[in-house]
Amino acid sequence: MFGRGNAVGSLPGMAEAFFEADGDGFVATGLTRGPWSKEAQHGGPPSALLARAVEAALPEGFRLARLSVDLLRPVPIERVVPRVSVRLGRRVVRAQVGLEADGREVLSGTAVAQRVDVVDLPASAPGQAPEPLPFPEVDSDPVFFELPWDEGYHTAMSWRIVAGAWTELGAAALWFRQEVPLVAGEEPSPFQRVVVVADAGNGVSAAVPFAGYSFLNSDLSVHLHRDAVGEWIGMDAHTIPQPTGAGLATSVLHDRTGPVGTGNQSLLIAPW
């Protein structure tokens, strides 16, 4: 099911997953590498690893609805250990999550899961969801940010552009597909697939040039009103920058049948 598709920079001998299981932890591969540092992970894969930990702790009949992650410090490309503590309710499960590297907490956050029920909605219930995001049937070959390394998040993903471009400032809409599993030998859940993509929102809709500024996100919050279907996850993203150095990147997240939820990232904008 997984292949290298049109992922940029894929080379023979590269890792075949974002993480390899290792006891109670996971060893990060070079495919987790983000655009900011050769030594640090992109926020998507480790956040998705926390989603995986929550889902593994859920009782039958519940689905993950929200994951909020604080990025406390750069996540090193090494062995990481997820921690999860759940509080069970009759219809809602709440969880505290964290990710440790070398004994230090690098990510922390909370999650909410809800019981799946059948509800007969009234015919008059309004639906305000955005229109489905168009899906280009022809592969695009966009130019990615210029990076001094050949292996990273950008080589583990394929994409098709609907509007905008990596090298252009402003709002953009893209479709992404993982070309490798989150954890070797496992099929990612729908929520995990979305989280891997959602942390790219600030890069997709950059409001300041990558060459002159950093615009790191200090958090990531993903709310889904339904599970995504299929391998392709769409993102319609825009960033609002402020001269105080604050920013907000907001993404409407889609599968090929329509919107599934939203992603938000608080940004810290600063010159290099």
C-alpha atoms as a PDB file:
ATOM      1  CA  MET A   1       0.000   0.000   0.000  1.00  0.00           C
ATOM      2  CA  PHE A   2       2.899   2.326   0.691  1.00  0.00           C
ATOM      3  CA  GLY A   3       5.295   3.359  -2.049  1.00  0.00           C
ATOM      4  CA  ARG A   4       7.560   6.247  -2.841  1.00  0.00           C
ATOM      5  CA  GLY A   5       5.151   7.867  -5.290  1.00  0.00           C
ATOM      6  CA  ASN A   6       6.348  11.314  -6.353  1.00  0.00           C
ATOM      7  CA  ALA A   7       7.971  12.121  -2.995  1.00  0.00           C
ATOM      8  CA  VAL A   8      10.772  14.612  -3.561  1.00  0.00           C
ATOM      9  CA  GLY A   9      14.327  13.427  -3.043  1.00  0.00           C
ATOM     10  CA  SER A  10      13.580   9.738  -2.402  1.00  0.00           C
ATOM     11  CA  LEU A  11      16.801   7.760  -2.646  1.00  0.00           C
ATOM     12  CA  PRO A  12      17.608   4.044  -2.377  1.00  0.00           C
ATOM     13  CA  GLY A  13      18.531   2.983   1.138  1.00  0.00           C
ATOM     14  CA  MET A  14      16.321   5.531   2.897  1.00  0.00           C
ATOM     15  CA  ALA A  15      14.209   4.499   5.874  1.00  0.00           C
ATOM     16  CA  GLU A  16      10.834   2.902   5.189  1.00  0.00           C
ATOM     17  CA  ALA A  17       8.832   4.415   8.085  1.00  0.00           C
ATOM     18  CA  PHE A  18       8.828   7.470  10.316  1.00  0.00           C
ATOM     19  CA  PHE A  19       9.432   5.286  13.394  1.00  0.00           C
ATOM     20  CA  GLU A  20      10.647   1.804  14.289  1.00  0.00           C
ATOM     21  CA  ALA A  21       9.104   0.182  17.401  1.00  0.00           C
ATOM     22  CA  ASP A  22      11.605  -0.422  20.202  1.00  0.00           C
ATOM     23  CA  GLY A  23      10.159  -1.826  23.422  1.00  0.00           C
ATOM     24  CA  ASP A  24       7.989   0.836  25.060  1.00  0.00           C
ATOM     25  CA  GLY A  25       9.415   3.448  22.720  1.00  0.00           C
ATOM     26  CA  PHE A  26      10.068   4.210  19.077  1.00  0.00           C
ATOM     27  CA  VAL A  27      13.265   5.041  17.222  1.00  0.00           C
ATOM     28  CA  ALA A  28      12.811   7.984  14.878  1.00  0.00           C
ATOM     29  CA  THR A  29      14.255   7.650  11.377  1.00  0.00           C
ATOM     30  CA  GLY A  30      15.636  10.383   9.159  1.00  0.00           C
ATOM     31  CA  LEU A  31      12.229  10.687   7.484  1.00  0.00           C
ATOM     32  CA  THR A  32      10.955  12.569  10.554  1.00  0.00           C
ATOM     33  CA  ARG A  33      13.449  15.385   9.912  1.00  0.00           C
ATOM     34  CA  GLY A  34      11.781  18.782   9.531  1.00  0.00           C
ATOM     35  CA  PRO A  35      12.804  21.889   7.571  1.00  0.00           C
ATOM     36  CA  TRP A  36      14.204  23.880  10.501  1.00  0.00           C
ATOM     37  CA  SER A  37      17.119  21.732  11.694  1.00  0.00           C
ATOM     38  CA  LYS A  38      18.965  18.614  10.583  1.00  0.00           C
ATOM     39  CA  GLU A  39      18.758  17.360  14.182  1.00  0.00           C
ATOM     40  CA  ALA A  40      15.041  17.945  14.842  1.00  0.00           C
ATOM     41  CA  GLN A  41      11.830  16.217  13.825  1.00  0.00           C
ATOM     42  CA  HIS A  42       8.958  17.763  11.919  1.00  0.00           C
ATOM     43  CA  GLY A  43       6.048  18.218  14.336  1.00  0.00           C
ATOM     44  CA  GLY A  44       3.651  15.967  12.410  1.00  0.00           C
ATOM     45  CA  PRO A  45       5.058  12.465  12.964  1.00  0.00           C
ATOM     46  CA  PRO A  46       5.717  12.741  16.745  1.00  0.00           C
ATOM     47  CA  SER A  47       2.301  14.356  17.268  1.00  0.00           C
ATOM     48  CA  ALA A  48       0.726  11.488  15.323  1.00  0.00           C
ATOM     49  CA  LEU A  49       2.637   9.094  17.592  1.00  0.00           C
ATOM     50  CA  LEU A  50       0.770  10.648  20.542  1.00  0.00           C
ATOM     51  CA  ALA A  51      -2.529  10.177  18.689  1.00  0.00           C
ATOM     52  CA  ARG A  52      -1.581   6.515  18.260  1.00  0.00           C
ATOM     53  CA  ALA A  53      -0.940   6.184  22.004  1.00  0.00           C
ATOM     54  CA  VAL A  54      -4.342   7.666  22.845  1.00  0.00           C
ATOM     55  CA  GLU A  55      -6.177   5.490  20.345  1.00  0.00           C
ATOM     56  CA  ALA A  56      -4.527   2.369  21.771  1.00  0.00           C
ATOM     57  CA  ALA A  57      -5.897   3.291  25.226  1.00  0.00           C
ATOM     58  CA  LEU A  58      -9.503   3.975  24.140  1.00  0.00           C
ATOM     59  CA  PRO A  59     -12.343   1.615  25.019  1.00  0.00           C
ATOM     60  CA  GLU A  60     -14.203  -0.002  22.146  1.00  0.00           C
ATOM     61  CA  GLY A  61     -16.798   2.263  20.572  1.00  0.00           C
ATOM     62  CA  PHE A  62     -14.921   5.548  21.047  1.00  0.00           C
ATOM     63  CA  ARG A  63     -13.226   7.705  18.419  1.00  0.00           C
ATOM     64  CA  LEU A  64     -10.594  10.391  18.852  1.00  0.00           C
ATOM     65  CA  ALA A  65     -12.132  13.818  18.223  1.00  0.00           C
ATOM     66  CA  ARG A  66      -9.442  16.281  19.322  1.00  0.00           C
ATOM     67  CA  LEU A  67      -5.703  16.301  19.944  1.00  0.00           C
ATOM     68  CA  SER A  68      -3.879  19.375  21.239  1.00  0.00           C
ATOM     69  CA  VAL A  69      -0.086  19.227  21.472  1.00  0.00           C
ATOM     70  CA  ASP A  70       2.377  21.719  22.933  1.00  0.00           C
ATOM     71  CA  LEU A  71       5.816  21.556  21.306  1.00  0.00           C
ATOM     72  CA  LEU A  72       7.972  22.222  24.375  1.00  0.00           C
ATOM     73  CA  ARG A  73      11.347  21.936  22.648  1.00  0.00           C
ATOM     74  CA  PRO A  74      12.787  20.529  19.409  1.00  0.00           C
ATOM     75  CA  VAL A  75      12.131  16.784  19.146  1.00  0.00           C
ATOM     76  CA  PRO A  76      15.472  15.060  18.472  1.00  0.00           C
ATOM     77  CA  ILE A  77      15.759  12.368  15.822  1.00  0.00           C
ATOM     78  CA  GLU A  78      16.344   9.576  18.309  1.00  0.00           C
ATOM     79  CA  ARG A  79      14.394   7.168  20.506  1.00  0.00           C
ATOM     80  CA  VAL A  80      11.196   8.657  21.954  1.00  0.00           C
ATOM     81  CA  VAL A  81       8.703   7.268  24.461  1.00  0.00           C
ATOM     82  CA  PRO A  82       5.004   8.263  24.459  1.00  0.00           C
ATOM     83  CA  ARG A  83       3.108   8.492  27.753  1.00  0.00           C
ATOM     84  CA  VAL A  84      -0.676   8.543  28.087  1.00  0.00           C
ATOM     85  CA  SER A  85      -3.088   8.717  31.015  1.00  0.00           C
ATOM     86  CA  VAL A  86      -6.823   8.432  30.363  1.00  0.00           C
ATOM     87  CA  ARG A  87      -9.867   9.454  32.369  1.00  0.00           C
ATOM     88  CA  LEU A  88     -12.840   7.361  31.352  1.00  0.00           C
ATOM     89  CA  GLY A  89     -16.355   8.735  31.133  1.00  0.00           C
ATOM     90  CA  ARG A  90     -19.595   7.194  29.936  1.00  0.00           C
ATOM     91  CA  ARG A  91     -19.619   9.183  26.707  1.00  0.00           C
ATOM     92  CA  VAL A  92     -16.345  11.150  26.754  1.00  0.00           C
ATOM     93  CA  VAL A  93     -12.768  10.014  27.382  1.00  0.00           C
ATOM     94  CA  ARG A  94     -10.106  12.584  28.239  1.00  0.00           C
ATOM     95  CA  ALA A  95      -6.383  11.942  28.045  1.00  0.00           C
ATOM     96  CA  GLN A  96      -3.133  13.568  29.114  1.00  0.00           C
ATOM     97  CA  VAL A  97      -0.257  12.788  26.756  1.00  0.00           C
ATOM     98  CA  GLY A  98       3.461  13.378  26.620  1.00  0.00           C
ATOM     99  CA  LEU A  99       6.494  12.394  24.588  1.00  0.00           C
ATOM    100  CA  GLU A 100       9.922  11.904  26.165  1.00  0.00           C
ATOM    101  CA  ALA A 101      13.365  11.863  24.567  1.00  0.00           C
ATOM    102  CA  ASP A 102      16.359  10.893  26.699  1.00  0.00           C
ATOM    103  CA  GLY A 103      14.268  11.348  29.842  1.00  0.00           C
ATOM    104  CA  ARG A 104      13.091  14.877  28.924  1.00  0.00           C
ATOM    105  CA  GLU A 105       9.539  15.762  27.936  1.00  0.00           C
ATOM    106  CA  VAL A 106       9.541  17.285  24.458  1.00  0.00           C
ATOM    107  CA  LEU A 107       5.803  17.251  23.707  1.00  0.00           C
ATOM    108  CA  SER A 108       2.804  17.416  26.016  1.00  0.00           C
ATOM    109  CA  GLY A 109      -0.878  17.744  25.434  1.00  0.00           C
ATOM    110  CA  THR A 110      -4.444  16.618  25.884  1.00  0.00           C
ATOM    111  CA  ALA A 111      -6.963  14.666  23.846  1.00  0.00           C
ATOM    112  CA  VAL A 112     -10.704  14.076  23.804  1.00  0.00           C
ATOM    113  CA  ALA A 113     -12.487  11.001  22.471  1.00  0.00           C
ATOM    114  CA  GLN A 114     -16.241  10.555  22.131  1.00  0.00           C
ATOM    115  CA  ARG A 115     -18.532   7.561  22.061  1.00  0.00           C
ATOM    116  CA  VAL A 116     -19.793   6.774  18.576  1.00  0.00           C
ATOM    117  CA  ASP A 117     -23.614   6.766  18.598  1.00  0.00           C
ATOM    118  CA  VAL A 118     -26.338   6.830  15.974  1.00  0.00           C
ATOM    119  CA  VAL A 119     -28.214  10.140  16.210  1.00  0.00           C
ATOM    120  CA  ASP A 120     -31.299  10.891  14.127  1.00  0.00           C
ATOM    121  CA  LEU A 121     -30.652  14.549  13.283  1.00  0.00           C
ATOM    122  CA  PRO A 122     -33.596  16.765  12.351  1.00  0.00           C
ATOM    123  CA  ALA A 123     -33.933  17.483   8.666  1.00  0.00           C
ATOM    124  CA  SER A 124     -33.656  21.213   9.424  1.00  0.00           C
ATOM    125  CA  ALA A 125     -30.217  20.887  11.070  1.00  0.00           C
ATOM    126  CA  PRO A 126     -28.005  23.390   9.200  1.00  0.00           C
ATOM    127  CA  GLY A 127     -24.757  22.308   7.662  1.00  0.00           C
ATOM    128  CA  GLN A 128     -22.097  24.999   7.393  1.00  0.00           C
ATOM    129  CA  ALA A 129     -19.133  22.861   6.335  1.00  0.00           C
ATOM    130  CA  PRO A 130     -16.922  24.292   3.556  1.00  0.00           C
ATOM    131  CA  GLU A 131     -17.163  22.959   0.032  1.00  0.00           C
ATOM    132  CA  PRO A 132     -15.030  19.899  -0.808  1.00  0.00           C
ATOM    133  CA  LEU A 133     -11.467  20.700  -1.853  1.00  0.00           C
ATOM    134  CA  PRO A 134     -10.839  19.899  -5.539  1.00  0.00           C
ATOM    135  CA  PHE A 135      -8.502  16.983  -6.150  1.00  0.00           C
ATOM    136  CA  PRO A 136      -6.105  17.333  -9.122  1.00  0.00           C
ATOM    137  CA  GLU A 137      -6.123  14.101 -11.086  1.00  0.00           C
ATOM    138  CA  VAL A 138      -2.731  14.855 -12.613  1.00  0.00           C
ATOM    139  CA  ASP A 139       0.378  14.682 -10.433  1.00  0.00           C
ATOM    140  CA  SER A 140       2.067  18.003  -9.810  1.00  0.00           C
ATOM    141  CA  ASP A 141       5.815  18.438  -9.468  1.00  0.00           C
ATOM    142  CA  PRO A 142       6.194  21.445  -7.152  1.00  0.00           C
ATOM    143  CA  VAL A 143       9.514  22.894  -6.088  1.00  0.00           C
ATOM    144  CA  PHE A 144       9.974  22.318  -2.362  1.00  0.00           C
ATOM    145  CA  PHE A 145      11.974  24.573  -0.019  1.00  0.00           C
ATOM    146  CA  GLU A 146      15.684  24.290  -0.679  1.00  0.00           C
ATOM    147  CA  LEU A 147      17.088  22.113   2.122  1.00  0.00           C
ATOM    148  CA  PRO A 148      20.671  20.954   2.712  1.00  0.00           C
ATOM    149  CA  TRP A 149      19.605  17.359   3.429  1.00  0.00           C
ATOM    150  CA  ASP A 150      18.189  14.658   1.189  1.00  0.00           C
ATOM    151  CA  GLU A 151      16.111  12.720   3.735  1.00  0.00           C
ATOM    152  CA  GLY A 152      13.255  14.130   5.746  1.00  0.00           C
ATOM    153  CA  TYR A 153       9.522  14.679   6.021  1.00  0.00           C
ATOM    154  CA  HIS A 154       9.516  16.132   2.505  1.00  0.00           C
ATOM    155  CA  THR A 155      10.804  12.833   1.056  1.00  0.00           C
ATOM    156  CA  ALA A 156       8.230  10.770   2.962  1.00  0.00           C
ATOM    157  CA  MET A 157       5.223  12.620   1.519  1.00  0.00           C
ATOM    158  CA  SER A 158       3.678  13.104  -1.906  1.00  0.00           C
ATOM    159  CA  TRP A 159       1.525  16.110  -2.729  1.00  0.00           C
ATOM    160  CA  ARG A 160      -0.654  17.719  -5.350  1.00  0.00           C
ATOM    161  CA  ILE A 161      -1.197  21.462  -5.414  1.00  0.00           C
ATOM    162  CA  VAL A 162      -4.652  22.995  -5.759  1.00  0.00           C
ATOM    163  CA  ALA A 163      -3.679  26.636  -5.191  1.00  0.00           C
ATOM    164  CA  GLY A 164      -0.476  28.428  -4.228  1.00  0.00           C
ATOM    165  CA  ALA A 165       2.980  26.853  -4.007  1.00  0.00           C
ATOM    166  CA  TRP A 166       5.684  26.026  -1.471  1.00  0.00           C
ATOM    167  CA  THR A 167       7.864  28.819  -2.842  1.00  0.00           C
ATOM    168  CA  GLU A 168       5.091  31.456  -2.873  1.00  0.00           C
ATOM    169  CA  LEU A 169       3.865  33.415   0.148  1.00  0.00           C
ATOM    170  CA  GLY A 170       0.222  33.362   1.162  1.00  0.00           C
ATOM    171  CA  ALA A 171      -2.693  30.984   1.489  1.00  0.00           C
ATOM    172  CA  ALA A 172      -2.398  27.651  -0.276  1.00  0.00           C
ATOM    173  CA  ALA A 173      -4.307  24.421  -0.741  1.00  0.00           C
ATOM    174  CA  LEU A 174      -2.598  21.039  -1.188  1.00  0.00           C
ATOM    175  CA  TRP A 175      -3.278  17.340  -0.968  1.00  0.00           C
ATOM    176  CA  PHE A 176      -0.811  15.108   0.902  1.00  0.00           C
ATOM    177  CA  ARG A 177      -0.262  11.364   1.053  1.00  0.00           C
ATOM    178  CA  GLN A 178       2.094   9.476   3.335  1.00  0.00           C
ATOM    179  CA  GLU A 179       4.481   7.318   1.325  1.00  0.00           C
ATOM    180  CA  VAL A 180       5.646   5.421   4.426  1.00  0.00           C
ATOM    181  CA  PRO A 181       3.879   4.165   7.569  1.00  0.00           C
ATOM    182  CA  LEU A 182       3.974   6.113  10.825  1.00  0.00           C
ATOM    183  CA  VAL A 183       5.307   2.992  12.572  1.00  0.00           C
ATOM    184  CA  ALA A 184       6.997   0.255  10.544  1.00  0.00           C
ATOM    185  CA  GLY A 185       4.640  -2.626   9.812  1.00  0.00           C
ATOM    186  CA  GLU A 186       1.459  -0.737  10.791  1.00  0.00           C
ATOM    187  CA  GLU A 187      -1.315   0.928   8.825  1.00  0.00           C
ATOM    188  CA  PRO A 188      -1.903   4.471  10.173  1.00  0.00           C
ATOM    189  CA  SER A 189      -5.351   5.253  11.537  1.00  0.00           C
ATOM    190  CA  PRO A 190      -7.380   8.026   9.874  1.00  0.00           C
ATOM    191  CA  PHE A 191      -6.627  10.417  12.753  1.00  0.00           C
ATOM    192  CA  GLN A 192      -2.903   9.656  12.576  1.00  0.00           C
ATOM    193  CA  ARG A 193      -2.844  10.406   8.846  1.00  0.00           C
ATOM    194  CA  VAL A 194      -4.498  13.775   9.428  1.00  0.00           C
ATOM    195  CA  VAL A 195      -2.120  14.774  12.235  1.00  0.00           C
ATOM    196  CA  VAL A 196       0.945  13.939  10.128  1.00  0.00           C
ATOM    197  CA  VAL A 197      -0.356  16.452   7.563  1.00  0.00           C
ATOM    198  CA  ALA A 198      -1.887  19.084   9.877  1.00  0.00           C
ATOM    199  CA  ASP A 199       1.447  20.302  11.257  1.00  0.00           C
ATOM    200  CA  ALA A 200       2.478  21.394   7.744  1.00  0.00           C
ATOM    201  CA  GLY A 201      -0.113  24.184   7.695  1.00  0.00           C
ATOM    202  CA  ASN A 202       2.294  26.986   8.593  1.00  0.00           C
ATOM    203  CA  GLY A 203       4.736  25.862   5.904  1.00  0.00           C
ATOM    204  CA  VAL A 204       2.067  25.533   3.240  1.00  0.00           C
ATOM    205  CA  SER A 205       0.692  29.038   3.916  1.00  0.00           C
ATOM    206  CA  ALA A 206       3.904  30.845   4.875  1.00  0.00           C
ATOM    207  CA  ALA A 207       3.328  34.591   5.284  1.00  0.00           C
ATOM    208  CA  VAL A 208       7.026  35.518   5.551  1.00  0.00           C
ATOM    209  CA  PRO A 209       9.958  34.207   3.474  1.00  0.00           C
ATOM    210  CA  PHE A 210      11.596  31.035   4.724  1.00  0.00           C
ATOM    211  CA  ALA A 211      15.040  32.381   3.815  1.00  0.00           C
ATOM    212  CA  GLY A 212      14.783  35.346   6.188  1.00  0.00           C
ATOM    213  CA  TYR A 213      12.468  34.265   8.994  1.00  0.00           C
ATOM    214  CA  SER A 214      11.574  31.367  11.206  1.00  0.00           C
ATOM    215  CA  PHE A 215       7.867  30.852  11.858  1.00  0.00           C
ATOM    216  CA  LEU A 216       7.839  27.884  14.179  1.00  0.00           C
ATOM    217  CA  ASN A 217       4.601  26.661  15.715  1.00  0.00           C
ATOM    218  CA  SER A 218       4.566  26.253  19.478  1.00  0.00           C
ATOM    219  CA  ASP A 219       1.471  24.073  19.414  1.00  0.00           C
ATOM    220  CA  LEU A 220      -0.869  22.075  17.187  1.00  0.00           C
ATOM    221  CA  SER A 221      -4.567  21.489  17.779  1.00  0.00           C
ATOM    222  CA  VAL A 222      -6.586  19.184  15.515  1.00  0.00           C
ATOM    223  CA  HIS A 223     -10.387  18.846  15.759  1.00  0.00           C
ATOM    224  CA  LEU A 224     -12.138  16.277  13.556  1.00  0.00           C
ATOM    225  CA  HIS A 225     -15.905  15.957  13.255  1.00  0.00           C
ATOM    226  CA  ARG A 226     -15.523  12.655  11.406  1.00  0.00           C
ATOM    227  CA  ASP A 227     -12.839  10.180  10.439  1.00  0.00           C
ATOM    228  CA  ALA A 228     -11.007  10.792   7.193  1.00  0.00           C
ATOM    229  CA  VAL A 229     -11.405   8.215   4.441  1.00  0.00           C
ATOM    230  CA  GLY A 230      -8.550   7.139   2.181  1.00  0.00           C
ATOM    231  CA  GLU A 231      -4.847   7.939   1.958  1.00  0.00           C
ATOM    232  CA  TRP A 232      -5.031  11.503   0.625  1.00  0.00           C
ATOM    233  CA  ILE A 233      -5.514  14.348   3.129  1.00  0.00           C
ATOM    234  CA  GLY A 234      -6.304  17.819   1.836  1.00  0.00           C
ATOM    235  CA  MET A 235      -5.366  21.104   3.489  1.00  0.00           C
ATOM    236  CA  ASP A 236      -6.693  24.594   2.757  1.00  0.00           C
ATOM    237  CA  ALA A 237      -4.376  26.754   4.873  1.00  0.00           C
ATOM    238  CA  HIS A 238      -3.762  30.403   5.621  1.00  0.00           C
ATOM    239  CA  THR A 239      -1.527  32.272   8.056  1.00  0.00           C
ATOM    240  CA  ILE A 240      -2.207  35.577   9.823  1.00  0.00           C
ATOM    241  CA  PRO A 241       1.077  37.267  10.934  1.00  0.00           C
ATOM    242  CA  GLN A 242       1.373  40.144  13.399  1.00  0.00           C
ATOM    243  CA  PRO A 243       4.217  42.682  13.890  1.00  0.00           C
ATOM    244  CA  THR A 244       4.427  41.524  17.523  1.00  0.00           C
ATOM    245  CA  GLY A 245       5.990  38.270  16.280  1.00  0.00           C
ATOM    246  CA  ALA A 246       2.780  36.308  16.827  1.00  0.00           C
ATOM    247  CA  GLY A 247       0.948  34.421  14.126  1.00  0.00           C
ATOM    248  CA  LEU A 248      -1.835  31.922  13.605  1.00  0.00           C
ATOM    249  CA  ALA A 249      -1.964  29.245  10.915  1.00  0.00           C
ATOM    250  CA  THR A 250      -5.421  27.759  10.341  1.00  0.00           C
ATOM    251  CA  SER A 251      -6.180  24.825   8.059  1.00  0.00           C
ATOM    252  CA  VAL A 252      -9.446  23.283   6.920  1.00  0.00           C
ATOM    253  CA  LEU A 253      -8.693  19.563   6.575  1.00  0.00           C
ATOM    254  CA  HIS A 254     -10.318  17.342   3.959  1.00  0.00           C
ATOM    255  CA  ASP A 255     -10.553  13.875   2.565  1.00  0.00           C
ATOM    256  CA  ARG A 256     -11.663  13.345  -1.008  1.00  0.00           C
ATOM    257  CA  THR A 257     -15.364  13.373  -0.017  1.00  0.00           C
ATOM    258  CA  GLY A 258     -15.269  16.694   1.851  1.00  0.00           C
ATOM    259  CA  PRO A 259     -14.054  18.492   4.988  1.00  0.00           C
ATOM    260  CA  VAL A 260     -13.244  16.467   8.105  1.00  0.00           C
ATOM    261  CA  GLY A 261     -12.090  19.143  10.572  1.00  0.00           C
ATOM    262  CA  THR A 262      -9.614  21.888  11.314  1.00  0.00           C
ATOM    263  CA  GLY A 263      -6.030  22.387  12.452  1.00  0.00           C
ATOM    264  CA  ASN A 264      -4.610  25.419  14.279  1.00  0.00           C
ATOM    265  CA  GLN A 265      -1.030  26.403  15.086  1.00  0.00           C
ATOM    266  CA  SER A 266       0.207  29.293  17.210  1.00  0.00           C
ATOM    267  CA  LEU A 267       3.297  30.738  15.513  1.00  0.00           C
ATOM    268  CA  LEU A 268       6.383  32.528  16.783  1.00  0.00           C
ATOM    269  CA  ILE A 269       7.754  34.674  13.941  1.00  0.00           C
ATOM    270  CA  ALA A 270      11.316  35.969  14.154  1.00  0.00           C
ATOM    271  CA  PRO A 271      14.168  36.894  11.812  1.00  0.00           C
ATOM    272  CA  TRP A 272      17.026  34.401  11.563  1.00  0.00           C
END
